Amino acid sequence: RMITKLVEHGRMGQKTGAGIYKYDGRKAMPDAEVAALAKIEAKALGVKQIEVTDEEIIERLFYPMINEGALILEEGIALRPSDIDVIYASGYGMARYRGGPMWYADTVGLKSVRDAMYKYRERYGDLYWSPASLLEDLVSAGKTFDEWSKSR
């Protein structure tokens, strides 16, 4: 519905100088008008708006990806965590400073990833938030994906 509302307001993206963002040339900038429209739509739909921290956004985007990587390793679809990282960094354009999802998981700590997944599972249900067996096993053993890879 939100996209329909934006179109109704003549916000067609870069070609009109405004869409989800306001544009200065090709530079996208947040727009208060979109935030106001979102607030109206949320109220009309009975959706409670909440503040979400940058940390929560990163966790909610990356942790299911990390968990899926663990499932891929469990199933033998990829042999090493670094294989998954290369695909994300080179194929999907993931920010190189994050090093790929599996490397990122090792840097933040697998226990932190697993514990956050429990928190989100409690809040949002099982769909994306049930930790893979490999993730659980590595947390129990106090190991990283890198250590797991080197021990195989």
C-alpha atoms as a PDB file:
ATOM      1  CA  ARG A   1       0.000   0.000   0.000  1.00  0.00           C
ATOM      2  CA  MET A   2       2.824   2.395   0.758  1.00  0.00           C
ATOM      3  CA  ILE A   3       4.245   2.244  -2.773  1.00  0.00           C
ATOM      4  CA  THR A   4       0.755   2.892  -4.177  1.00  0.00           C
ATOM      5  CA  LYS A   5       0.452   5.955  -1.922  1.00  0.00           C
ATOM      6  CA  LEU A   6       3.818   7.257  -3.102  1.00  0.00           C
ATOM      7  CA  VAL A   7       2.791   6.848  -6.746  1.00  0.00           C
ATOM      8  CA  GLU A   8      -0.511   8.613  -6.018  1.00  0.00           C
ATOM      9  CA  HIS A   9       1.565  11.522  -4.676  1.00  0.00           C
ATOM     10  CA  GLY A  10       3.592  11.616  -7.920  1.00  0.00           C
ATOM     11  CA  ARG A  11       6.674  10.161  -6.266  1.00  0.00           C
ATOM     12  CA  MET A  12       8.083   7.974  -9.059  1.00  0.00           C
ATOM     13  CA  GLY A  13      11.700   7.831  -7.946  1.00  0.00           C
ATOM     14  CA  GLN A  14      14.743   9.523  -9.441  1.00  0.00           C
ATOM     15  CA  LYS A  15      12.916  10.578 -12.603  1.00  0.00           C
ATOM     16  CA  THR A  16      10.589  12.830 -10.546  1.00  0.00           C
ATOM     17  CA  GLY A  17      13.170  13.738  -7.910  1.00  0.00           C
ATOM     18  CA  ALA A  18      11.258  11.868  -5.221  1.00  0.00           C
ATOM     19  CA  GLY A  19      10.131   8.343  -4.412  1.00  0.00           C
ATOM     20  CA  ILE A  20      10.896   6.539  -1.194  1.00  0.00           C
ATOM     21  CA  TYR A  21      13.720   9.067  -0.975  1.00  0.00           C
ATOM     22  CA  LYS A  22      14.101  12.661  -2.099  1.00  0.00           C
ATOM     23  CA  TYR A  23      16.821  12.999  -4.735  1.00  0.00           C
ATOM     24  CA  ASP A  24      19.447  15.639  -5.332  1.00  0.00           C
ATOM     25  CA  GLY A  25      20.729  14.457  -8.690  1.00  0.00           C
ATOM     26  CA  ARG A  26      21.477  10.793  -8.035  1.00  0.00           C
ATOM     27  CA  LYS A  27      21.983  11.250  -4.291  1.00  0.00           C
ATOM     28  CA  ALA A  28      19.118   9.748  -2.261  1.00  0.00           C
ATOM     29  CA  MET A  29      18.164  11.472   0.990  1.00  0.00           C
ATOM     30  CA  PRO A  30      15.537  10.575   3.614  1.00  0.00           C
ATOM     31  CA  ASP A  31      12.313  12.533   3.219  1.00  0.00           C
ATOM     32  CA  ALA A  32      10.021  13.682   6.040  1.00  0.00           C
ATOM     33  CA  GLU A  33       6.997  13.486   3.705  1.00  0.00           C
ATOM     34  CA  VAL A  34       7.503   9.729   3.285  1.00  0.00           C
ATOM     35  CA  ALA A  35       7.852   9.293   7.045  1.00  0.00           C
ATOM     36  CA  ALA A  36       4.581  11.200   7.522  1.00  0.00           C
ATOM     37  CA  LEU A  37       2.807   9.044   4.904  1.00  0.00           C
ATOM     38  CA  ALA A  38       4.153   5.889   6.572  1.00  0.00           C
ATOM     39  CA  LYS A  39       2.850   7.062   9.934  1.00  0.00           C
ATOM     40  CA  ILE A  40      -0.633   7.670   8.460  1.00  0.00           C
ATOM     41  CA  GLU A  41      -0.661   4.256   6.731  1.00  0.00           C
ATOM     42  CA  ALA A  42       0.549   2.476   9.866  1.00  0.00           C
ATOM     43  CA  LYS A  43      -2.228   4.065  11.903  1.00  0.00           C
ATOM     44  CA  ALA A  44      -4.846   3.161   9.256  1.00  0.00           C
ATOM     45  CA  LEU A  45      -3.665  -0.476   9.303  1.00  0.00           C
ATOM     46  CA  GLY A  46      -3.380  -0.659  13.085  1.00  0.00           C
ATOM     47  CA  VAL A  47       0.383  -1.189  12.903  1.00  0.00           C
ATOM     48  CA  LYS A  48       2.279   0.028  15.939  1.00  0.00           C
ATOM     49  CA  GLN A  49       5.428   1.862  14.907  1.00  0.00           C
ATOM     50  CA  ILE A  50       8.520   1.150  16.974  1.00  0.00           C
ATOM     51  CA  GLU A  51      12.007   2.554  17.182  1.00  0.00           C
ATOM     52  CA  VAL A  52      14.587   0.137  15.819  1.00  0.00           C
ATOM     53  CA  THR A  53      18.282   0.580  16.554  1.00  0.00           C
ATOM     54  CA  ASP A  54      20.990   0.238  13.924  1.00  0.00           C
ATOM     55  CA  GLU A  55      22.245  -2.814  15.842  1.00  0.00           C
ATOM     56  CA  GLU A  56      18.842  -4.508  15.624  1.00  0.00           C
ATOM     57  CA  ILE A  57      18.624  -3.822  11.895  1.00  0.00           C
ATOM     58  CA  ILE A  58      22.015  -5.464  11.370  1.00  0.00           C
ATOM     59  CA  GLU A  59      21.071  -8.439  13.552  1.00  0.00           C
ATOM     60  CA  ARG A  60      17.725  -8.967  11.848  1.00  0.00           C
ATOM     61  CA  LEU A  61      19.323  -8.841   8.394  1.00  0.00           C
ATOM     62  CA  PHE A  62      22.548 -10.747   9.007  1.00  0.00           C
ATOM     63  CA  TYR A  63      21.706 -13.370  11.607  1.00  0.00           C
ATOM     64  CA  PRO A  64      19.204 -15.323   9.480  1.00  0.00           C
ATOM     65  CA  MET A  65      21.800 -15.189   6.677  1.00  0.00           C
ATOM     66  CA  ILE A  66      24.441 -16.565   9.056  1.00  0.00           C
ATOM     67  CA  ASN A  67      22.062 -19.284  10.191  1.00  0.00           C
ATOM     68  CA  GLU A  68      21.291 -20.226   6.589  1.00  0.00           C
ATOM     69  CA  GLY A  69      25.042 -20.423   5.986  1.00  0.00           C
ATOM     70  CA  ALA A  70      25.319 -22.847   8.904  1.00  0.00           C
ATOM     71  CA  LEU A  71      22.557 -24.988   7.375  1.00  0.00           C
ATOM     72  CA  ILE A  72      24.368 -24.947   4.015  1.00  0.00           C
ATOM     73  CA  LEU A  73      27.539 -26.158   5.737  1.00  0.00           C
ATOM     74  CA  GLU A  74      25.613 -28.851   7.648  1.00  0.00           C
ATOM     75  CA  GLU A  75      24.137 -30.144   4.400  1.00  0.00           C
ATOM     76  CA  GLY A  76      27.524 -30.167   2.645  1.00  0.00           C
ATOM     77  CA  ILE A  77      26.358 -27.741  -0.045  1.00  0.00           C
ATOM     78  CA  ALA A  78      29.408 -25.597   0.747  1.00  0.00           C
ATOM     79  CA  LEU A  79      32.590 -27.078   2.168  1.00  0.00           C
ATOM     80  CA  ARG A  80      33.958 -24.094   4.075  1.00  0.00           C
ATOM     81  CA  PRO A  81      32.508 -20.964   5.675  1.00  0.00           C
ATOM     82  CA  SER A  82      34.885 -18.943   3.504  1.00  0.00           C
ATOM     83  CA  ASP A  83      33.128 -20.322   0.385  1.00  0.00           C
ATOM     84  CA  ILE A  84      29.919 -18.675   1.594  1.00  0.00           C
ATOM     85  CA  ASP A  85      31.761 -15.447   2.431  1.00  0.00           C
ATOM     86  CA  VAL A  86      33.271 -15.231  -1.063  1.00  0.00           C
ATOM     87  CA  ILE A  87      29.840 -15.654  -2.651  1.00  0.00           C
ATOM     88  CA  TYR A  88      28.356 -12.860  -0.546  1.00  0.00           C
ATOM     89  CA  ALA A  89      31.281 -10.460  -0.939  1.00  0.00           C
ATOM     90  CA  SER A  90      31.930 -11.058  -4.640  1.00  0.00           C
ATOM     91  CA  GLY A  91      28.580 -12.249  -5.951  1.00  0.00           C
ATOM     92  CA  TYR A  92      26.045 -10.330  -3.892  1.00  0.00           C
ATOM     93  CA  GLY A  93      28.087  -7.220  -3.176  1.00  0.00           C
ATOM     94  CA  MET A  94      28.060  -7.511   0.605  1.00  0.00           C
ATOM     95  CA  ALA A  95      30.183  -4.795   2.201  1.00  0.00           C
ATOM     96  CA  ARG A  96      33.733  -6.128   2.126  1.00  0.00           C
ATOM     97  CA  TYR A  97      34.571  -4.694   5.547  1.00  0.00           C
ATOM     98  CA  ARG A  98      32.043  -7.154   7.016  1.00  0.00           C
ATOM     99  CA  GLY A  99      34.012  -9.980   5.379  1.00  0.00           C
ATOM    100  CA  GLY A 100      30.991 -12.117   4.530  1.00  0.00           C
ATOM    101  CA  PRO A 101      28.330 -13.488   6.866  1.00  0.00           C
ATOM    102  CA  MET A 102      30.336 -16.348   8.340  1.00  0.00           C
ATOM    103  CA  TRP A 103      33.423 -14.245   9.062  1.00  0.00           C
ATOM    104  CA  TYR A 104      31.174 -11.556  10.522  1.00  0.00           C
ATOM    105  CA  ALA A 105      29.555 -14.176  12.778  1.00  0.00           C
ATOM    106  CA  ASP A 106      32.978 -15.192  14.065  1.00  0.00           C
ATOM    107  CA  THR A 107      33.879 -11.562  14.787  1.00  0.00           C
ATOM    108  CA  VAL A 108      30.713 -10.800  16.772  1.00  0.00           C
ATOM    109  CA  GLY A 109      30.758 -14.219  18.435  1.00  0.00           C
ATOM    110  CA  LEU A 110      28.586 -17.211  17.656  1.00  0.00           C
ATOM    111  CA  LYS A 111      27.049 -17.130  21.130  1.00  0.00           C
ATOM    112  CA  SER A 112      25.926 -13.542  20.525  1.00  0.00           C
ATOM    113  CA  VAL A 113      24.398 -14.586  17.204  1.00  0.00           C
ATOM    114  CA  ARG A 114      22.661 -17.596  18.747  1.00  0.00           C
ATOM    115  CA  ASP A 115      21.375 -15.631  21.765  1.00  0.00           C
ATOM    116  CA  ALA A 116      19.978 -12.873  19.537  1.00  0.00           C
ATOM    117  CA  MET A 117      18.246 -15.535  17.451  1.00  0.00           C
ATOM    118  CA  TYR A 118      16.573 -16.869  20.604  1.00  0.00           C
ATOM    119  CA  LYS A 119      15.438 -13.327  21.435  1.00  0.00           C
ATOM    120  CA  TYR A 120      13.962 -12.765  17.976  1.00  0.00           C
ATOM    121  CA  ARG A 121      12.383 -16.231  17.914  1.00  0.00           C
ATOM    122  CA  GLU A 122      10.581 -15.340  21.142  1.00  0.00           C
ATOM    123  CA  ARG A 123       9.442 -12.066  19.605  1.00  0.00           C
ATOM    124  CA  TYR A 124       8.664 -13.118  16.005  1.00  0.00           C
ATOM    125  CA  GLY A 125       8.302 -16.908  15.921  1.00  0.00           C
ATOM    126  CA  ASP A 126      10.293 -19.769  14.403  1.00  0.00           C
ATOM    127  CA  LEU A 127      10.291 -18.867  10.714  1.00  0.00           C
ATOM    128  CA  TYR A 128      13.835 -17.428  10.536  1.00  0.00           C
ATOM    129  CA  TRP A 129      14.965 -17.657  14.120  1.00  0.00           C
ATOM    130  CA  SER A 130      15.620 -21.324  14.949  1.00  0.00           C
ATOM    131  CA  PRO A 131      19.397 -21.770  15.190  1.00  0.00           C
ATOM    132  CA  ALA A 132      20.944 -24.445  12.978  1.00  0.00           C
ATOM    133  CA  SER A 133      22.365 -27.502  14.731  1.00  0.00           C
ATOM    134  CA  LEU A 134      25.873 -26.552  13.608  1.00  0.00           C
ATOM    135  CA  LEU A 135      25.527 -23.111  15.175  1.00  0.00           C
ATOM    136  CA  GLU A 136      24.274 -24.662  18.431  1.00  0.00           C
ATOM    137  CA  ASP A 137      27.104 -27.228  18.421  1.00  0.00           C
ATOM    138  CA  LEU A 138      29.794 -24.602  17.819  1.00  0.00           C
ATOM    139  CA  VAL A 139      28.455 -22.388  20.608  1.00  0.00           C
ATOM    140  CA  SER A 140      28.425 -25.396  22.980  1.00  0.00           C
ATOM    141  CA  ALA A 141      32.011 -26.244  22.004  1.00  0.00           C
ATOM    142  CA  GLY A 142      33.144 -22.605  22.211  1.00  0.00           C
ATOM    143  CA  LYS A 143      34.386 -22.732  18.615  1.00  0.00           C
ATOM    144  CA  THR A 144      34.135 -20.424  15.608  1.00  0.00           C
ATOM    145  CA  PHE A 145      33.186 -21.289  12.043  1.00  0.00           C
ATOM    146  CA  ASP A 146      36.846 -20.804  11.122  1.00  0.00           C
ATOM    147  CA  GLU A 147      38.005 -23.285  13.780  1.00  0.00           C
ATOM    148  CA  TRP A 148      35.346 -25.746  12.648  1.00  0.00           C
ATOM    149  CA  SER A 149      36.559 -25.419   9.056  1.00  0.00           C
ATOM    150  CA  LYS A 150      40.210 -25.967   9.968  1.00  0.00           C
ATOM    151  CA  SER A 151      39.392 -29.069  12.029  1.00  0.00           C
ATOM    152  CA  ARG A 152      37.712 -30.881   9.129  1.00  0.00           C
END
